[in-house]
N, C-alpha and C. Protein backbone atom coordinates (compact mmCIF):
# COMPACT_ATOMS: atom_id res chain seq x y z
N UNK A 1 109.25 108.41 111.45
CA UNK A 1 107.81 108.37 111.63
C UNK A 1 107.32 109.75 112.04
N UNK A 2 106.21 110.16 111.50
CA UNK A 2 105.68 111.48 111.82
C UNK A 2 104.77 111.41 113.04
N UNK A 3 104.58 112.54 113.65
CA UNK A 3 103.74 112.61 114.84
C UNK A 3 102.26 112.53 114.45
N UNK A 4 101.49 111.85 115.23
CA UNK A 4 100.06 111.67 115.01
C UNK A 4 99.34 113.00 115.10
N UNK A 5 98.48 113.30 114.12
CA UNK A 5 97.74 114.58 114.09
C UNK A 5 96.45 114.53 114.88
N UNK A 6 95.86 113.35 114.96
CA UNK A 6 94.61 113.21 115.69
C UNK A 6 94.86 112.39 116.95
N UNK A 7 94.13 112.67 118.02
CA UNK A 7 94.34 111.89 119.24
C UNK A 7 93.90 110.43 119.03
N UNK A 8 94.60 109.54 119.68
CA UNK A 8 94.26 108.13 119.60
C UNK A 8 92.95 107.89 120.36
N UNK A 9 92.02 107.23 119.72
CA UNK A 9 90.71 107.01 120.33
C UNK A 9 90.59 105.63 120.94
N UNK A 10 91.12 104.63 120.27
CA UNK A 10 91.01 103.25 120.73
C UNK A 10 92.30 102.51 120.41
N UNK A 11 92.59 101.54 121.21
CA UNK A 11 93.70 100.64 120.95
C UNK A 11 93.12 99.23 120.90
N UNK A 12 93.42 98.52 119.84
CA UNK A 12 92.96 97.14 119.70
C UNK A 12 94.19 96.26 119.73
N UNK A 13 94.22 95.32 120.63
CA UNK A 13 95.34 94.40 120.73
C UNK A 13 94.93 93.09 120.09
N UNK A 14 95.67 92.70 119.06
CA UNK A 14 95.44 91.43 118.40
C UNK A 14 96.57 90.49 118.79
N UNK A 15 96.24 89.42 119.47
CA UNK A 15 97.24 88.45 119.88
C UNK A 15 97.33 87.37 118.81
N UNK A 16 98.53 87.19 118.29
CA UNK A 16 98.72 86.18 117.26
C UNK A 16 98.94 84.82 117.90
N UNK A 17 98.79 83.82 117.11
CA UNK A 17 98.99 82.46 117.58
C UNK A 17 98.94 81.52 116.40
N UNK A 18 98.72 80.28 116.69
CA UNK A 18 98.74 79.23 115.67
C UNK A 18 97.73 79.48 114.55
N UNK A 19 96.60 80.06 114.87
CA UNK A 19 95.54 80.26 113.88
C UNK A 19 95.61 81.62 113.18
N UNK A 20 96.54 82.47 113.55
CA UNK A 20 96.61 83.82 112.96
C UNK A 20 97.03 83.76 111.50
N UNK A 21 96.40 84.59 110.69
CA UNK A 21 96.68 84.65 109.26
C UNK A 21 96.63 86.09 108.77
N UNK A 22 97.47 86.38 107.80
CA UNK A 22 97.42 87.66 107.09
C UNK A 22 97.33 87.33 105.61
N UNK A 23 96.31 87.83 104.95
CA UNK A 23 96.12 87.54 103.53
C UNK A 23 95.73 88.81 102.78
N UNK A 24 96.14 88.86 101.52
CA UNK A 24 95.79 89.97 100.66
C UNK A 24 94.81 89.47 99.61
N UNK A 25 93.77 90.23 99.40
CA UNK A 25 92.75 89.88 98.41
C UNK A 25 92.70 90.98 97.35
N UNK A 26 93.44 90.81 96.25
CA UNK A 26 93.38 91.81 95.17
C UNK A 26 92.13 91.58 94.32
N UNK A 27 91.55 92.65 93.87
CA UNK A 27 90.36 92.58 93.02
C UNK A 27 90.62 93.40 91.76
N UNK A 28 90.11 92.94 90.61
CA UNK A 28 90.40 93.68 89.38
C UNK A 28 89.69 95.04 89.28
N UNK A 29 88.52 95.19 89.92
CA UNK A 29 87.74 96.42 89.72
C UNK A 29 87.44 97.19 91.00
N UNK A 30 88.16 96.88 92.06
CA UNK A 30 88.00 97.63 93.31
C UNK A 30 89.29 97.57 94.10
N UNK A 31 89.35 98.29 95.18
CA UNK A 31 90.56 98.35 96.01
C UNK A 31 90.86 96.98 96.61
N UNK A 32 92.14 96.64 96.74
CA UNK A 32 92.49 95.38 97.38
C UNK A 32 92.15 95.44 98.87
N UNK A 33 92.09 94.27 99.49
CA UNK A 33 91.79 94.16 100.92
C UNK A 33 92.90 93.34 101.58
N UNK A 34 93.43 93.86 102.68
CA UNK A 34 94.37 93.12 103.50
C UNK A 34 93.60 92.63 104.71
N UNK A 35 93.58 91.32 104.93
CA UNK A 35 92.85 90.73 106.05
C UNK A 35 93.84 90.21 107.09
N UNK A 36 93.65 90.64 108.33
CA UNK A 36 94.42 90.14 109.45
C UNK A 36 93.46 89.34 110.32
N UNK A 37 93.59 88.04 110.32
CA UNK A 37 92.68 87.16 111.04
C UNK A 37 93.42 86.61 112.25
N UNK A 38 93.01 87.01 113.42
CA UNK A 38 93.66 86.59 114.66
C UNK A 38 92.70 85.80 115.53
N UNK A 39 92.06 84.82 114.95
CA UNK A 39 91.14 83.99 115.72
C UNK A 39 89.78 84.62 115.84
N UNK A 40 89.48 85.15 117.02
CA UNK A 40 88.16 85.72 117.28
C UNK A 40 87.97 87.09 116.63
N UNK A 41 89.05 87.72 116.16
CA UNK A 41 88.98 89.06 115.58
C UNK A 41 89.60 89.08 114.20
N UNK A 42 88.90 89.72 113.26
CA UNK A 42 89.44 89.93 111.92
C UNK A 42 89.42 91.42 111.63
N UNK A 43 90.53 91.91 111.11
CA UNK A 43 90.65 93.31 110.72
C UNK A 43 90.83 93.36 109.21
N UNK A 44 90.04 94.17 108.53
CA UNK A 44 90.15 94.34 107.09
C UNK A 44 90.64 95.75 106.80
N UNK A 45 91.73 95.85 106.02
CA UNK A 45 92.26 97.14 105.61
C UNK A 45 92.03 97.33 104.13
N UNK A 46 91.47 98.46 103.76
CA UNK A 46 91.25 98.79 102.36
C UNK A 46 91.20 100.30 102.22
N UNK A 47 91.32 100.79 101.02
CA UNK A 47 91.23 102.24 100.82
C UNK A 47 89.77 102.64 100.65
N UNK A 48 89.52 103.91 100.86
CA UNK A 48 88.17 104.43 100.71
C UNK A 48 88.00 104.92 99.28
N UNK A 49 87.58 104.03 98.41
CA UNK A 49 87.47 104.38 97.00
C UNK A 49 88.72 104.00 96.25
N UNK A 50 89.03 104.78 95.22
CA UNK A 50 90.21 104.52 94.41
C UNK A 50 91.47 104.76 95.26
N UNK A 51 92.43 103.81 95.26
CA UNK A 51 93.65 104.00 96.05
C UNK A 51 94.41 105.27 95.65
N UNK A 52 94.95 105.94 96.65
CA UNK A 52 95.68 107.20 96.44
C UNK A 52 97.16 107.00 96.76
N UNK A 53 97.95 108.03 96.53
CA UNK A 53 99.36 107.99 96.90
C UNK A 53 99.52 107.85 98.41
N UNK A 54 98.60 108.43 99.18
CA UNK A 54 98.64 108.29 100.63
C UNK A 54 98.40 106.83 101.04
N UNK A 55 97.49 106.14 100.33
CA UNK A 55 97.24 104.72 100.60
C UNK A 55 98.51 103.90 100.31
N UNK A 56 99.18 104.24 99.22
CA UNK A 56 100.42 103.55 98.87
C UNK A 56 101.50 103.81 99.92
N UNK A 57 101.61 105.05 100.39
CA UNK A 57 102.59 105.37 101.44
C UNK A 57 102.30 104.58 102.71
N UNK A 58 101.02 104.49 103.08
CA UNK A 58 100.65 103.71 104.27
C UNK A 58 100.98 102.24 104.07
N UNK A 59 100.69 101.70 102.90
CA UNK A 59 101.00 100.29 102.62
C UNK A 59 102.50 100.04 102.75
N UNK A 60 103.30 100.96 102.27
CA UNK A 60 104.77 100.81 102.38
C UNK A 60 105.22 100.92 103.84
N UNK A 61 104.59 101.81 104.61
CA UNK A 61 104.90 101.89 106.04
C UNK A 61 104.54 100.57 106.73
N UNK A 62 103.41 100.00 106.33
CA UNK A 62 102.97 98.74 106.89
C UNK A 62 103.96 97.62 106.60
N UNK A 63 104.47 97.59 105.37
CA UNK A 63 105.49 96.59 105.00
C UNK A 63 106.74 96.77 105.85
N UNK A 64 107.20 98.01 106.00
CA UNK A 64 108.40 98.28 106.78
C UNK A 64 108.22 97.88 108.24
N UNK A 65 107.07 98.23 108.81
CA UNK A 65 106.81 97.89 110.21
C UNK A 65 106.67 96.38 110.39
N UNK A 66 106.01 95.71 109.45
CA UNK A 66 105.86 94.24 109.54
C UNK A 66 107.22 93.55 109.42
N UNK A 67 108.10 94.09 108.59
CA UNK A 67 109.44 93.53 108.45
C UNK A 67 110.22 93.69 109.76
N UNK A 68 110.15 94.88 110.36
CA UNK A 68 110.83 95.09 111.64
C UNK A 68 110.25 94.18 112.72
N UNK A 69 108.93 94.00 112.71
CA UNK A 69 108.26 93.12 113.68
C UNK A 69 108.75 91.68 113.50
N UNK A 70 108.82 91.22 112.26
CA UNK A 70 109.29 89.86 111.99
C UNK A 70 110.73 89.67 112.47
N UNK A 71 111.58 90.66 112.22
CA UNK A 71 112.96 90.58 112.67
C UNK A 71 113.05 90.56 114.20
N UNK A 72 112.22 91.34 114.87
CA UNK A 72 112.22 91.36 116.33
C UNK A 72 111.73 90.02 116.89
N UNK A 73 110.69 89.45 116.28
CA UNK A 73 110.20 88.13 116.70
C UNK A 73 111.28 87.09 116.49
N UNK A 74 111.93 87.14 115.34
CA UNK A 74 113.00 86.20 115.02
C UNK A 74 114.14 86.32 116.03
N UNK A 75 114.53 87.53 116.34
CA UNK A 75 115.60 87.76 117.30
C UNK A 75 115.21 87.23 118.68
N UNK A 76 114.00 87.50 119.11
CA UNK A 76 113.51 87.05 120.41
C UNK A 76 113.45 85.52 120.44
N UNK A 77 112.96 84.91 119.37
CA UNK A 77 112.86 83.45 119.31
C UNK A 77 114.24 82.81 119.34
N UNK A 78 115.20 83.41 118.66
CA UNK A 78 116.57 82.89 118.64
C UNK A 78 117.17 82.94 120.03
N UNK A 79 116.91 84.02 120.78
CA UNK A 79 117.42 84.14 122.14
C UNK A 79 116.81 83.08 123.05
N UNK A 80 115.51 82.78 122.88
CA UNK A 80 114.86 81.76 123.70
C UNK A 80 115.42 80.37 123.38
N UNK A 81 115.69 80.09 122.12
CA UNK A 81 116.23 78.79 121.73
C UNK A 81 117.62 78.61 122.29
N UNK A 82 118.42 79.69 122.29
CA UNK A 82 119.81 79.61 122.78
C UNK A 82 119.86 79.46 124.30
N UNK A 83 118.82 79.91 125.01
CA UNK A 83 118.82 79.87 126.47
C UNK A 83 118.58 78.50 127.04
């Protein structure tokens, strides 16, 4: 992971739960939208105009981080079940 070039301005904490959803909305004539719905808060991710190689790189980073997150949740859940 590379170092952040701009200072962090805000941190938003989204707590997942039973109602949390992540959905992708592809469109034929505009950029796709990734929606993260965590109950009272929804975050929409999309590119600014035509998607670029940087947008693709970010999407792949997002996939990798989400996979690691899922594995960590799975590992934590398995430890709780075993206890």
